Amino acid sequence: MKARAAKWWDPRTWLAFVFWELRTIFKGYSGDGLSDWKATGVIIVVQILGLGAITDAWAVYHERRLIDHSIYIIALAVLMLNVGAAWGGNKRWQRLFRDFESYPKPIKIGGGVVVVALIVLTVGAASHFGAAYSHLPR
């Protein structure tokens, strides 16, 4: 079966590129063979924080609390959706790795900067809206 080329408009390609960038960063930082697990774990945590930030922002905007401790419900939903990726489902992403590795060096570096910046912004948004949510009346 011929491997499909990466299509920039496909969100699965974006997720695979994020996985590849994180995997590459972790391999360069500590080549302990756990870079796939670390990349998958970071993606899952960032998804949980992003969804938590969105729900907290909605609650702050509408000045009404949602379910207290909703982060646990969000975390459970995200974990259930990503269980396939955590247990070997990332193999479908690996067929795109050849395309990613053929990118010019400036695109690889720029992609890594964008991925890290998005992670930092997501953590910042979750922290900001989480703090604002905690000040809403019960």
C-alpha atoms as a PDB file:
ATOM      1  CA  MET A   1       0.000   0.000   0.000  1.00  0.00           C
ATOM      2  CA  LYS A   2       1.396   3.367  -0.997  1.00  0.00           C
ATOM      3  CA  ALA A   3       1.792   5.910   1.834  1.00  0.00           C
ATOM      4  CA  ARG A   4      -0.317   9.021   1.460  1.00  0.00           C
ATOM      5  CA  ALA A   5       1.362  12.381   1.253  1.00  0.00           C
ATOM      6  CA  ALA A   6       0.757  14.854   4.064  1.00  0.00           C
ATOM      7  CA  LYS A   7      -2.024  17.289   3.278  1.00  0.00           C
ATOM      8  CA  TRP A   8      -1.726  20.577   5.147  1.00  0.00           C
ATOM      9  CA  TRP A   9      -5.492  21.072   5.440  1.00  0.00           C
ATOM     10  CA  ASP A  10      -6.082  17.766   7.234  1.00  0.00           C
ATOM     11  CA  PRO A  11      -6.195  18.217  11.055  1.00  0.00           C
ATOM     12  CA  ARG A  12      -4.782  14.706  11.466  1.00  0.00           C
ATOM     13  CA  THR A  13      -1.674  15.918   9.647  1.00  0.00           C
ATOM     14  CA  TRP A  14      -1.376  18.806  12.117  1.00  0.00           C
ATOM     15  CA  LEU A  15      -1.657  16.422  15.050  1.00  0.00           C
ATOM     16  CA  ALA A  16       0.882  14.078  13.474  1.00  0.00           C
ATOM     17  CA  PHE A  17       3.249  17.022  12.919  1.00  0.00           C
ATOM     18  CA  VAL A  18       2.887  18.078  16.567  1.00  0.00           C
ATOM     19  CA  PHE A  19       3.567  14.490  17.631  1.00  0.00           C
ATOM     20  CA  TRP A  20       6.607  14.315  15.323  1.00  0.00           C
ATOM     21  CA  GLU A  21       7.984  17.660  16.598  1.00  0.00           C
ATOM     22  CA  LEU A  22       7.540  16.687  20.260  1.00  0.00           C
ATOM     23  CA  ARG A  23       9.009  13.257  19.593  1.00  0.00           C
ATOM     24  CA  THR A  24      12.009  14.866  17.890  1.00  0.00           C
ATOM     25  CA  ILE A  25      12.482  17.309  20.786  1.00  0.00           C
ATOM     26  CA  PHE A  26      12.302  14.521  23.371  1.00  0.00           C
ATOM     27  CA  LYS A  27      14.663  12.301  21.359  1.00  0.00           C
ATOM     28  CA  GLY A  28      17.194  15.130  21.175  1.00  0.00           C
ATOM     29  CA  TYR A  29      16.836  15.997  24.845  1.00  0.00           C
ATOM     30  CA  SER A  30      16.897  12.491  26.309  1.00  0.00           C
ATOM     31  CA  GLY A  31      17.258   9.556  23.954  1.00  0.00           C
ATOM     32  CA  ASP A  32      15.871   7.047  26.438  1.00  0.00           C
ATOM     33  CA  GLY A  33      13.453   5.343  24.038  1.00  0.00           C
ATOM     34  CA  LEU A  34      10.377   6.833  25.688  1.00  0.00           C
ATOM     35  CA  SER A  35      10.012   9.789  23.342  1.00  0.00           C
ATOM     36  CA  ASP A  36       6.808   8.384  21.769  1.00  0.00           C
ATOM     37  CA  TRP A  37       5.175   8.017  25.190  1.00  0.00           C
ATOM     38  CA  LYS A  38       6.343  11.450  26.305  1.00  0.00           C
ATOM     39  CA  ALA A  39       5.032  13.111  23.127  1.00  0.00           C
ATOM     40  CA  THR A  40       1.672  11.337  23.446  1.00  0.00           C
ATOM     41  CA  GLY A  41       1.454  12.293  27.127  1.00  0.00           C
ATOM     42  CA  VAL A  42       2.194  15.948  26.424  1.00  0.00           C
ATOM     43  CA  ILE A  43      -0.426  16.038  23.662  1.00  0.00           C
ATOM     44  CA  ILE A  44      -3.056  14.522  25.987  1.00  0.00           C
ATOM     45  CA  VAL A  45      -2.240  16.923  28.832  1.00  0.00           C
ATOM     46  CA  VAL A  46      -2.338  19.934  26.490  1.00  0.00           C
ATOM     47  CA  GLN A  47      -5.708  18.784  25.113  1.00  0.00           C
ATOM     48  CA  ILE A  48      -7.080  18.519  28.648  1.00  0.00           C
ATOM     49  CA  LEU A  49      -5.746  21.954  29.579  1.00  0.00           C
ATOM     50  CA  GLY A  50      -7.059  23.478  26.348  1.00  0.00           C
ATOM     51  CA  LEU A  51     -10.555  22.106  26.833  1.00  0.00           C
ATOM     52  CA  GLY A  52     -10.454  23.150  30.489  1.00  0.00           C
ATOM     53  CA  ALA A  53      -9.458  26.682  29.453  1.00  0.00           C
ATOM     54  CA  ILE A  54     -12.314  26.825  26.938  1.00  0.00           C
ATOM     55  CA  THR A  55     -14.925  25.677  29.451  1.00  0.00           C
ATOM     56  CA  ASP A  56     -13.569  28.042  32.130  1.00  0.00           C
ATOM     57  CA  ALA A  57     -13.557  30.937  29.633  1.00  0.00           C
ATOM     58  CA  TRP A  58     -17.189  30.169  28.765  1.00  0.00           C
ATOM     59  CA  ALA A  59     -18.130  30.132  32.438  1.00  0.00           C
ATOM     60  CA  VAL A  60     -16.291  33.397  33.123  1.00  0.00           C
ATOM     61  CA  TYR A  61     -17.853  35.084  30.096  1.00  0.00           C
ATOM     62  CA  HIS A  62     -21.364  34.015  31.150  1.00  0.00           C
ATOM     63  CA  GLU A  63     -20.579  34.616  34.855  1.00  0.00           C
ATOM     64  CA  ARG A  64     -21.990  31.244  35.768  1.00  0.00           C
ATOM     65  CA  ARG A  65     -20.200  28.226  37.162  1.00  0.00           C
ATOM     66  CA  LEU A  66     -20.393  24.969  35.306  1.00  0.00           C
ATOM     67  CA  ILE A  67     -19.970  21.655  37.053  1.00  0.00           C
ATOM     68  CA  ASP A  68     -17.401  21.984  39.830  1.00  0.00           C
ATOM     69  CA  HIS A  69     -14.352  19.864  39.146  1.00  0.00           C
ATOM     70  CA  SER A  70     -15.310  19.614  35.467  1.00  0.00           C
ATOM     71  CA  ILE A  71     -11.634  19.071  34.637  1.00  0.00           C
ATOM     72  CA  TYR A  72     -12.046  15.442  35.746  1.00  0.00           C
ATOM     73  CA  ILE A  73     -14.876  14.890  33.264  1.00  0.00           C
ATOM     74  CA  ILE A  74     -12.832  16.577  30.523  1.00  0.00           C
ATOM     75  CA  ALA A  75      -9.768  14.510  31.393  1.00  0.00           C
ATOM     76  CA  LEU A  76     -11.732  11.275  31.282  1.00  0.00           C
ATOM     77  CA  ALA A  77     -13.253  12.171  27.892  1.00  0.00           C
ATOM     78  CA  VAL A  78      -9.880  13.141  26.402  1.00  0.00           C
ATOM     79  CA  LEU A  79      -8.223  10.004  27.747  1.00  0.00           C
ATOM     80  CA  MET A  80     -10.965   7.816  26.290  1.00  0.00           C
ATOM     81  CA  LEU A  81     -10.607   9.497  22.892  1.00  0.00           C
ATOM     82  CA  ASN A  82      -6.826   9.112  22.927  1.00  0.00           C
ATOM     83  CA  VAL A  83      -6.542   5.582  24.259  1.00  0.00           C
ATOM     84  CA  GLY A  84      -5.844   4.273  20.744  1.00  0.00           C
ATOM     85  CA  ALA A  85      -2.960   6.690  20.246  1.00  0.00           C
ATOM     86  CA  ALA A  86      -1.509   5.864  23.641  1.00  0.00           C
ATOM     87  CA  TRP A  87      -1.431   2.130  22.884  1.00  0.00           C
ATOM     88  CA  GLY A  88       0.166   2.000  19.477  1.00  0.00           C
ATOM     89  CA  GLY A  89      -2.315   3.976  17.398  1.00  0.00           C
ATOM     90  CA  ASN A  90       0.437   6.404  16.511  1.00  0.00           C
ATOM     91  CA  LYS A  91       1.660   3.938  13.912  1.00  0.00           C
ATOM     92  CA  ARG A  92      -0.626   5.585  11.370  1.00  0.00           C
ATOM     93  CA  TRP A  93       1.219   8.841  12.095  1.00  0.00           C
ATOM     94  CA  GLN A  94       4.553   7.234  11.321  1.00  0.00           C
ATOM     95  CA  ARG A  95       3.713   6.956   7.633  1.00  0.00           C
ATOM     96  CA  LEU A  96       3.787  10.776   7.509  1.00  0.00           C
ATOM     97  CA  PHE A  97       7.159  11.006   9.255  1.00  0.00           C
ATOM     98  CA  ARG A  98       9.055  10.563   5.995  1.00  0.00           C
ATOM     99  CA  ASP A  99       7.283  13.631   4.635  1.00  0.00           C
ATOM    100  CA  PHE A 100       8.027  15.619   7.782  1.00  0.00           C
ATOM    101  CA  GLU A 101      11.698  14.641   7.751  1.00  0.00           C
ATOM    102  CA  SER A 102      11.991  15.800   4.148  1.00  0.00           C
ATOM    103  CA  TYR A 103      10.945  19.348   5.111  1.00  0.00           C
ATOM    104  CA  PRO A 104      13.675  22.006   4.944  1.00  0.00           C
ATOM    105  CA  LYS A 105      15.443  22.811   8.203  1.00  0.00           C
ATOM    106  CA  PRO A 106      13.825  26.294   8.637  1.00  0.00           C
ATOM    107  CA  ILE A 107      10.342  24.720   8.475  1.00  0.00           C
ATOM    108  CA  LYS A 108      11.329  22.083  11.034  1.00  0.00           C
ATOM    109  CA  ILE A 109      12.727  24.715  13.407  1.00  0.00           C
ATOM    110  CA  GLY A 110       9.783  27.061  12.839  1.00  0.00           C
ATOM    111  CA  GLY A 111       7.353  24.197  13.424  1.00  0.00           C
ATOM    112  CA  GLY A 112       9.072  23.336  16.694  1.00  0.00           C
ATOM    113  CA  VAL A 113       8.880  26.954  17.840  1.00  0.00           C
ATOM    114  CA  VAL A 114       5.170  27.120  16.964  1.00  0.00           C
ATOM    115  CA  VAL A 115       4.439  23.833  18.769  1.00  0.00           C
ATOM    116  CA  VAL A 116       6.250  24.941  21.931  1.00  0.00           C
ATOM    117  CA  ALA A 117       4.608  28.396  21.768  1.00  0.00           C
ATOM    118  CA  LEU A 118       1.142  26.824  21.456  1.00  0.00           C
ATOM    119  CA  ILE A 119       1.831  24.604  24.462  1.00  0.00           C
ATOM    120  CA  VAL A 120       2.974  27.600  26.530  1.00  0.00           C
ATOM    121  CA  LEU A 121      -0.059  29.655  25.434  1.00  0.00           C
ATOM    122  CA  THR A 122      -2.423  26.794  26.293  1.00  0.00           C
ATOM    123  CA  VAL A 123      -0.917  26.420  29.761  1.00  0.00           C
ATOM    124  CA  GLY A 124      -1.141  30.210  30.231  1.00  0.00           C
ATOM    125  CA  ALA A 125      -4.779  30.317  29.110  1.00  0.00           C
ATOM    126  CA  ALA A 126      -5.697  27.423  31.399  1.00  0.00           C
ATOM    127  CA  SER A 127      -3.997  29.157  34.313  1.00  0.00           C
ATOM    128  CA  HIS A 128      -5.619  32.530  33.600  1.00  0.00           C
ATOM    129  CA  PHE A 129      -9.161  31.275  33.073  1.00  0.00           C
ATOM    130  CA  GLY A 130      -8.832  28.741  35.886  1.00  0.00           C
ATOM    131  CA  ALA A 131      -7.940  31.538  38.285  1.00  0.00           C
ATOM    132  CA  ALA A 132     -10.831  33.690  36.992  1.00  0.00           C
ATOM    133  CA  TYR A 133     -13.211  30.714  37.307  1.00  0.00           C
ATOM    134  CA  SER A 134     -12.231  30.228  40.936  1.00  0.00           C
ATOM    135  CA  HIS A 135     -13.465  33.766  41.707  1.00  0.00           C
ATOM    136  CA  LEU A 136     -16.975  33.118  40.379  1.00  0.00           C
ATOM    137  CA  PRO A 137     -19.680  32.878  43.038  1.00  0.00           C
ATOM    138  CA  ARG A 138     -20.717  29.363  43.983  1.00  0.00           C
END
